[in-house]
PDB file of N, CA and C in Angstrom:
ATOM      1  N   UNK A   1    -117.859  46.267 -49.729  1.00  0.00           N
ATOM      2  CA  UNK A   1    -118.008  46.658 -51.116  1.00  0.00           C
ATOM      3  C   UNK A   1    -118.043  48.165 -51.262  1.00  0.00           C
ATOM      4  N   UNK A   2    -118.189  48.889 -50.206  1.00  0.00           N
ATOM      5  CA  UNK A   2    -118.168  50.352 -50.199  1.00  0.00           C
ATOM      6  C   UNK A   2    -119.218  50.978 -51.124  1.00  0.00           C
ATOM      7  N   UNK A   3    -120.414  50.419 -51.106  1.00  0.00           N
ATOM      8  CA  UNK A   3    -121.529  50.988 -51.865  1.00  0.00           C
ATOM      9  C   UNK A   3    -122.047  52.186 -51.085  1.00  0.00           C
ATOM     10  N   UNK A   4    -122.037  53.345 -51.718  1.00  0.00           N
ATOM     11  CA  UNK A   4    -122.456  54.569 -51.032  1.00  0.00           C
ATOM     12  C   UNK A   4    -123.943  54.858 -51.220  1.00  0.00           C
ATOM     13  N   UNK A   5    -124.509  54.306 -52.299  1.00  0.00           N
ATOM     14  CA  UNK A   5    -125.892  54.637 -52.647  1.00  0.00           C
ATOM     15  C   UNK A   5    -126.442  53.537 -53.544  1.00  0.00           C
ATOM     16  N   UNK A   6    -127.744  53.285 -53.428  1.00  0.00           N
ATOM     17  CA  UNK A   6    -128.389  52.364 -54.354  1.00  0.00           C
ATOM     18  C   UNK A   6    -129.811  52.809 -54.624  1.00  0.00           C
ATOM     19  N   UNK A   7    -130.300  52.404 -55.797  1.00  0.00           N
ATOM     20  CA  UNK A   7    -131.640  52.790 -56.240  1.00  0.00           C
ATOM     21  C   UNK A   7    -132.466  51.538 -56.473  1.00  0.00           C
ATOM     22  N   UNK A   8    -133.738  51.617 -56.117  1.00  0.00           N
ATOM     23  CA  UNK A   8    -134.687  50.542 -56.357  1.00  0.00           C
ATOM     24  C   UNK A   8    -135.813  51.130 -57.198  1.00  0.00           C
ATOM     25  N   UNK A   9    -136.100  50.488 -58.318  1.00  0.00           N
ATOM     26  CA  UNK A   9    -137.156  50.973 -59.212  1.00  0.00           C
ATOM     27  C   UNK A   9    -138.372  50.066 -59.137  1.00  0.00           C
ATOM     28  N   UNK A  10    -139.529  50.667 -59.027  1.00  0.00           N
ATOM     29  CA  UNK A  10    -140.800  49.966 -59.192  1.00  0.00           C
ATOM     30  C   UNK A  10    -141.308  50.407 -60.555  1.00  0.00           C
ATOM     31  N   UNK A  11    -140.919  49.680 -61.572  1.00  0.00           N
ATOM     32  CA  UNK A  11    -141.205  50.074 -62.951  1.00  0.00           C
ATOM     33  C   UNK A  11    -142.705  50.143 -63.203  1.00  0.00           C
ATOM     34  N   UNK A  12    -143.453  49.221 -62.641  1.00  0.00           N
ATOM     35  CA  UNK A  12    -144.901  49.191 -62.863  1.00  0.00           C
ATOM     36  C   UNK A  12    -145.589  50.441 -62.333  1.00  0.00           C
ATOM     37  N   UNK A  13    -145.085  51.001 -61.254  1.00  0.00           N
ATOM     38  CA  UNK A  13    -145.692  52.188 -60.651  1.00  0.00           C
ATOM     39  C   UNK A  13    -144.951  53.481 -61.012  1.00  0.00           C
ATOM     40  N   UNK A  14    -143.801  53.358 -61.691  1.00  0.00           N
ATOM     41  CA  UNK A  14    -143.036  54.541 -62.067  1.00  0.00           C
ATOM     42  C   UNK A  14    -142.397  55.232 -60.878  1.00  0.00           C
ATOM     43  N   UNK A  15    -141.975  54.458 -59.905  1.00  0.00           N
ATOM     44  CA  UNK A  15    -141.370  55.024 -58.690  1.00  0.00           C
ATOM     45  C   UNK A  15    -139.912  54.603 -58.596  1.00  0.00           C
ATOM     46  N   UNK A  16    -139.097  55.501 -58.062  1.00  0.00           N
ATOM     47  CA  UNK A  16    -137.690  55.214 -57.805  1.00  0.00           C
ATOM     48  C   UNK A  16    -137.422  55.550 -56.342  1.00  0.00           C
ATOM     49  N   UNK A  17    -136.828  54.616 -55.660  1.00  0.00           N
ATOM     50  CA  UNK A  17    -136.455  54.806 -54.260  1.00  0.00           C
ATOM     51  C   UNK A  17    -134.935  54.778 -54.192  1.00  0.00           C
ATOM     52  N   UNK A  18    -134.364  55.806 -53.628  1.00  0.00           N
ATOM     53  CA  UNK A  18    -132.911  55.926 -53.554  1.00  0.00           C
ATOM     54  C   UNK A  18    -132.490  55.940 -52.096  1.00  0.00           C
ATOM     55  N   UNK A  19    -131.438  55.204 -51.830  1.00  0.00           N
ATOM     56  CA  UNK A  19    -130.949  55.078 -50.461  1.00  0.00           C
ATOM     57  C   UNK A  19    -129.456  55.359 -50.406  1.00  0.00           C
ATOM     58  N   UNK A  20    -129.029  55.974 -49.330  1.00  0.00           N
ATOM     59  CA  UNK A  20    -127.619  56.119 -49.034  1.00  0.00           C
ATOM     60  C   UNK A  20    -127.310  55.187 -47.868  1.00  0.00           C
ATOM     61  N   UNK A  21    -126.090  54.758 -47.797  1.00  0.00           N
ATOM     62  CA  UNK A  21    -125.688  53.854 -46.721  1.00  0.00           C
ATOM     63  C   UNK A  21    -124.695  54.584 -45.825  1.00  0.00           C
ATOM     64  N   UNK A  22    -125.072  54.756 -44.575  1.00  0.00           N
ATOM     65  CA  UNK A  22    -124.193  55.363 -43.587  1.00  0.00           C
ATOM     66  C   UNK A  22    -124.263  54.549 -42.313  1.00  0.00           C
ATOM     67  N   UNK A  23    -123.120  54.326 -41.720  1.00  0.00           N
ATOM     68  CA  UNK A  23    -123.044  53.565 -40.470  1.00  0.00           C
ATOM     69  C   UNK A  23    -123.785  52.239 -40.579  1.00  0.00           C
ATOM     70  N   UNK A  24    -123.620  51.563 -41.721  1.00  0.00           N
ATOM     71  CA  UNK A  24    -124.244  50.254 -41.975  1.00  0.00           C
ATOM     72  C   UNK A  24    -125.772  50.289 -41.946  1.00  0.00           C
ATOM     73  N   UNK A  25    -126.356  51.446 -42.219  1.00  0.00           N
ATOM     74  CA  UNK A  25    -127.810  51.594 -42.284  1.00  0.00           C
ATOM     75  C   UNK A  25    -128.181  52.284 -43.588  1.00  0.00           C
ATOM     76  N   UNK A  26    -129.333  51.918 -44.123  1.00  0.00           N
ATOM     77  CA  UNK A  26    -129.857  52.574 -45.322  1.00  0.00           C
ATOM     78  C   UNK A  26    -130.769  53.718 -44.914  1.00  0.00           C
ATOM     79  N   UNK A  27    -130.652  54.814 -45.649  1.00  0.00           N
ATOM     80  CA  UNK A  27    -131.508  55.967 -45.397  1.00  0.00           C
ATOM     81  C   UNK A  27    -132.066  56.456 -46.724  1.00  0.00           C
ATOM     82  N   UNK A  28    -133.378  56.633 -46.789  1.00  0.00           N
ATOM     83  CA  UNK A  28    -134.042  57.120 -47.990  1.00  0.00           C
ATOM     84  C   UNK A  28    -133.611  58.559 -48.265  1.00  0.00           C
ATOM     85  N   UNK A  29    -133.280  58.859 -49.527  1.00  0.00           N
ATOM     86  CA  UNK A  29    -132.857  60.211 -49.903  1.00  0.00           C
ATOM     87  C   UNK A  29    -133.674  60.680 -51.107  1.00  0.00           C
ATOM     88  N   UNK A  30    -133.788  61.985 -51.260  1.00  0.00           N
ATOM     89  CA  UNK A  30    -134.524  62.556 -52.392  1.00  0.00           C
ATOM     90  C   UNK A  30    -133.585  63.137 -53.451  1.00  0.00           C
ATOM     91  N   UNK A  31    -132.300  63.220 -53.125  1.00  0.00           N
ATOM     92  CA  UNK A  31    -131.295  63.691 -54.078  1.00  0.00           C
ATOM     93  C   UNK A  31    -130.062  62.815 -53.946  1.00  0.00           C
ATOM     94  N   UNK A  32    -129.488  62.462 -55.077  1.00  0.00           N
ATOM     95  CA  UNK A  32    -128.322  61.601 -55.079  1.00  0.00           C
ATOM     96  C   UNK A  32    -127.167  62.246 -54.320  1.00  0.00           C
ATOM     97  N   UNK A  33    -126.482  61.451 -53.534  1.00  0.00           N
ATOM     98  CA  UNK A  33    -125.263  61.903 -52.857  1.00  0.00           C
ATOM     99  C   UNK A  33    -124.055  61.639 -53.751  1.00  0.00           C
ATOM    100  N   UNK A  34    -124.161  60.624 -54.596  1.00  0.00           N
ATOM    101  CA  UNK A  34    -123.073  60.246 -55.493  1.00  0.00           C
ATOM    102  C   UNK A  34    -123.041  61.163 -56.721  1.00  0.00           C
ATOM    103  N   UNK A  35    -124.227  61.548 -57.182  1.00  0.00           N
ATOM    104  CA  UNK A  35    -124.358  62.458 -58.329  1.00  0.00           C
ATOM    105  C   UNK A  35    -125.059  63.725 -57.842  1.00  0.00           C
ATOM    106  N   UNK A  36    -124.316  64.621 -57.184  1.00  0.00           N
ATOM    107  CA  UNK A  36    -124.929  65.815 -56.584  1.00  0.00           C
ATOM    108  C   UNK A  36    -125.769  66.605 -57.587  1.00  0.00           C
ATOM    109  N   UNK A  37    -126.941  67.008 -57.129  1.00  0.00           N
ATOM    110  CA  UNK A  37    -127.844  67.779 -57.970  1.00  0.00           C
ATOM    111  C   UNK A  37    -128.854  66.931 -58.715  1.00  0.00           C
ATOM    112  N   UNK A  38    -128.688  65.606 -58.696  1.00  0.00           N
ATOM    113  CA  UNK A  38    -129.634  64.727 -59.382  1.00  0.00           C
ATOM    114  C   UNK A  38    -130.778  64.390 -58.436  1.00  0.00           C
ATOM    115  N   UNK A  39    -131.932  64.975 -58.713  1.00  0.00           N
ATOM    116  CA  UNK A  39    -133.128  64.732 -57.902  1.00  0.00           C
ATOM    117  C   UNK A  39    -133.747  63.398 -58.307  1.00  0.00           C
ATOM    118  N   UNK A  40    -134.115  62.614 -57.338  1.00  0.00           N
ATOM    119  CA  UNK A  40    -134.703  61.305 -57.608  1.00  0.00           C
ATOM    120  C   UNK A  40    -136.048  61.440 -58.322  1.00  0.00           C
ATOM    121  N   UNK A  41    -136.792  62.509 -58.042  1.00  0.00           N
ATOM    122  CA  UNK A  41    -138.075  62.687 -58.740  1.00  0.00           C
ATOM    123  C   UNK A  41    -137.866  62.920 -60.243  1.00  0.00           C
ATOM    124  N   UNK A  42    -136.693  63.411 -60.644  1.00  0.00           N
ATOM    125  CA  UNK A  42    -136.390  63.548 -62.066  1.00  0.00           C
ATOM    126  C   UNK A  42    -136.250  62.160 -62.698  1.00  0.00           C
ATOM    127  N   UNK A  43    -135.672  61.227 -61.977  1.00  0.00           N
ATOM    128  CA  UNK A  43    -135.569  59.853 -62.473  1.00  0.00           C
ATOM    129  C   UNK A  43    -136.946  59.221 -62.614  1.00  0.00           C
ATOM    130  N   UNK A  44    -137.821  59.497 -61.658  1.00  0.00           N
ATOM    131  CA  UNK A  44    -139.186  58.985 -61.736  1.00  0.00           C
ATOM    132  C   UNK A  44    -139.907  59.546 -62.955  1.00  0.00           C
ATOM    133  N   UNK A  45    -139.759  60.845 -63.181  1.00  0.00           N
ATOM    134  CA  UNK A  45    -140.426  61.455 -64.328  1.00  0.00           C
ATOM    135  C   UNK A  45    -139.870  60.895 -65.636  1.00  0.00           C
ATOM    136  N   UNK A  46    -138.586  60.646 -65.678  1.00  0.00           N
ATOM    137  CA  UNK A  46    -137.967  60.056 -66.862  1.00  0.00           C
ATOM    138  C   UNK A  46    -138.538  58.669 -67.127  1.00  0.00           C
ATOM    139  N   UNK A  47    -138.643  57.871 -66.081  1.00  0.00           N
ATOM    140  CA  UNK A  47    -139.222  56.535 -66.202  1.00  0.00           C
ATOM    141  C   UNK A  47    -140.652  56.605 -66.707  1.00  0.00           C
ATOM    142  N   UNK A  48    -141.436  57.503 -66.146  1.00  0.00           N
ATOM    143  CA  UNK A  48    -142.836  57.641 -66.553  1.00  0.00           C
ATOM    144  C   UNK A  48    -142.959  58.117 -67.996  1.00  0.00           C
ATOM    145  N   UNK A  49    -142.079  59.017 -68.426  1.00  0.00           N
ATOM    146  CA  UNK A  49    -142.105  59.488 -69.819  1.00  0.00           C
ATOM    147  C   UNK A  49    -141.782  58.354 -70.791  1.00  0.00           C
ATOM    148  N   UNK A  50    -140.982  57.398 -70.333  1.00  0.00           N
ATOM    149  CA  UNK A  50    -140.603  56.296 -71.214  1.00  0.00           C
ATOM    150  C   UNK A  50    -141.797  55.426 -71.594  1.00  0.00           C
ATOM    151  N   UNK A  51    -142.903  55.546 -70.873  1.00  0.00           N
ATOM    152  CA  UNK A  51    -144.107  54.781 -71.196  1.00  0.00           C
ATOM    153  C   UNK A  51    -144.811  55.331 -72.426  1.00  0.00           C
ATOM    154  N   UNK A  52    -144.674  56.623 -72.690  1.00  0.00           N
ATOM    155  CA  UNK A  52    -145.429  57.227 -73.791  1.00  0.00           C
ATOM    156  C   UNK A  52    -144.553  57.858 -74.876  1.00  0.00           C
ATOM    157  N   UNK A  53    -143.262  57.908 -74.654  1.00  0.00           N
ATOM    158  CA  UNK A  53    -142.341  58.520 -75.623  1.00  0.00           C
ATOM    159  C   UNK A  53    -141.269  57.505 -76.002  1.00  0.00           C
ATOM    160  N   UNK A  54    -140.680  57.691 -77.183  1.00  0.00           N
ATOM    161  CA  UNK A  54    -139.602  56.783 -77.549  1.00  0.00           C
ATOM    162  C   UNK A  54    -138.297  57.223 -76.874  1.00  0.00           C
ATOM    163  N   UNK A  55    -137.288  56.373 -76.940  1.00  0.00           N
ATOM    164  CA  UNK A  55    -136.028  56.630 -76.242  1.00  0.00           C
ATOM    165  C   UNK A  55    -135.376  57.936 -76.662  1.00  0.00           C
ATOM    166  N   UNK A  56    -135.469  58.281 -77.935  1.00  0.00           N
ATOM    167  CA  UNK A  56    -134.868  59.514 -78.431  1.00  0.00           C
ATOM    168  C   UNK A  56    -135.514  60.726 -77.767  1.00  0.00           C
ATOM    169  N   UNK A  57    -136.827  60.725 -77.690  1.00  0.00           N
ATOM    170  CA  UNK A  57    -137.548  61.833 -77.050  1.00  0.00           C
ATOM    171  C   UNK A  57    -137.219  61.922 -75.563  1.00  0.00           C
ATOM    172  N   UNK A  58    -137.209  60.792 -74.903  1.00  0.00           N
ATOM    173  CA  UNK A  58    -136.911  60.769 -73.468  1.00  0.00           C
ATOM    174  C   UNK A  58    -135.481  61.246 -73.228  1.00  0.00           C
ATOM    175  N   UNK A  59    -134.554  60.758 -74.031  1.00  0.00           N
ATOM    176  CA  UNK A  59    -133.154  61.169 -73.891  1.00  0.00           C
ATOM    177  C   UNK A  59    -132.965  62.660 -74.115  1.00  0.00           C
ATOM    178  N   UNK A  60    -133.621  63.198 -75.130  1.00  0.00           N
ATOM    179  CA  UNK A  60    -133.521  64.637 -75.421  1.00  0.00           C
ATOM    180  C   UNK A  60    -134.116  65.459 -74.283  1.00  0.00           C
ATOM    181  N   UNK A  61    -135.267  65.015 -73.779  1.00  0.00           N
ATOM    182  CA  UNK A  61    -135.905  65.716 -72.659  1.00  0.00           C
ATOM    183  C   UNK A  61    -134.990  65.705 -71.435  1.00  0.00           C
ATOM    184  N   UNK A  62    -134.445  64.537 -71.108  1.00  0.00           N
ATOM    185  CA  UNK A  62    -133.576  64.433 -69.927  1.00  0.00           C
ATOM    186  C   UNK A  62    -132.321  65.288 -70.105  1.00  0.00           C
ATOM    187  N   UNK A  63    -131.731  65.255 -71.260  1.00  0.00           N
ATOM    188  CA  UNK A  63    -130.549  66.080 -71.526  1.00  0.00           C
ATOM    189  C   UNK A  63    -130.869  67.564 -71.365  1.00  0.00           C
ATOM    190  N   UNK A  64    -132.045  67.977 -71.798  1.00  0.00           N
ATOM    191  CA  UNK A  64    -132.444  69.388 -71.644  1.00  0.00           C
ATOM    192  C   UNK A  64    -132.523  69.781 -70.168  1.00  0.00           C
ATOM    193  N   UNK A  65    -132.871  68.853 -69.304  1.00  0.00           N
ATOM    194  CA  UNK A  65    -132.966  69.133 -67.869  1.00  0.00           C
ATOM    195  C   UNK A  65    -131.597  69.427 -67.272  1.00  0.00           C
ATOM    196  N   UNK A  66    -130.559  68.798 -67.827  1.00  0.00           N
ATOM    197  CA  UNK A  66    -129.204  69.021 -67.318  1.00  0.00           C
ATOM    198  C   UNK A  66    -128.551  70.261 -67.907  1.00  0.00           C
ATOM    199  N   UNK A  67    -129.075  70.732 -69.017  1.00  0.00           N
ATOM    200  CA  UNK A  67    -128.497  71.893 -69.687  1.00  0.00           C
ATOM    201  C   UNK A  67    -129.066  73.214 -69.197  1.00  0.00           C
ATOM    202  N   UNK A  68    -130.122  73.174 -68.410  1.00  0.00           N
ATOM    203  CA  UNK A  68    -130.722  74.432 -67.940  1.00  0.00           C
ATOM    204  C   UNK A  68    -130.176  74.826 -66.599  1.00  0.00           C
TER     205      UNK A  68
END
């Protein structure tokens, strides 16, 4: 299937685990290999913000992170 990367979310704890697949093995990564520059901790913070903010606020905040 040529999956290069996959993410697992623990929504209850606000955690995101990202893995890359090389040589038929999974390896935990802190930055996306498929989307260079995307830090996994940014995804976690986005998930956590979604608990207290509406989608519009979360979307605007996340977009601001990519514009800086």
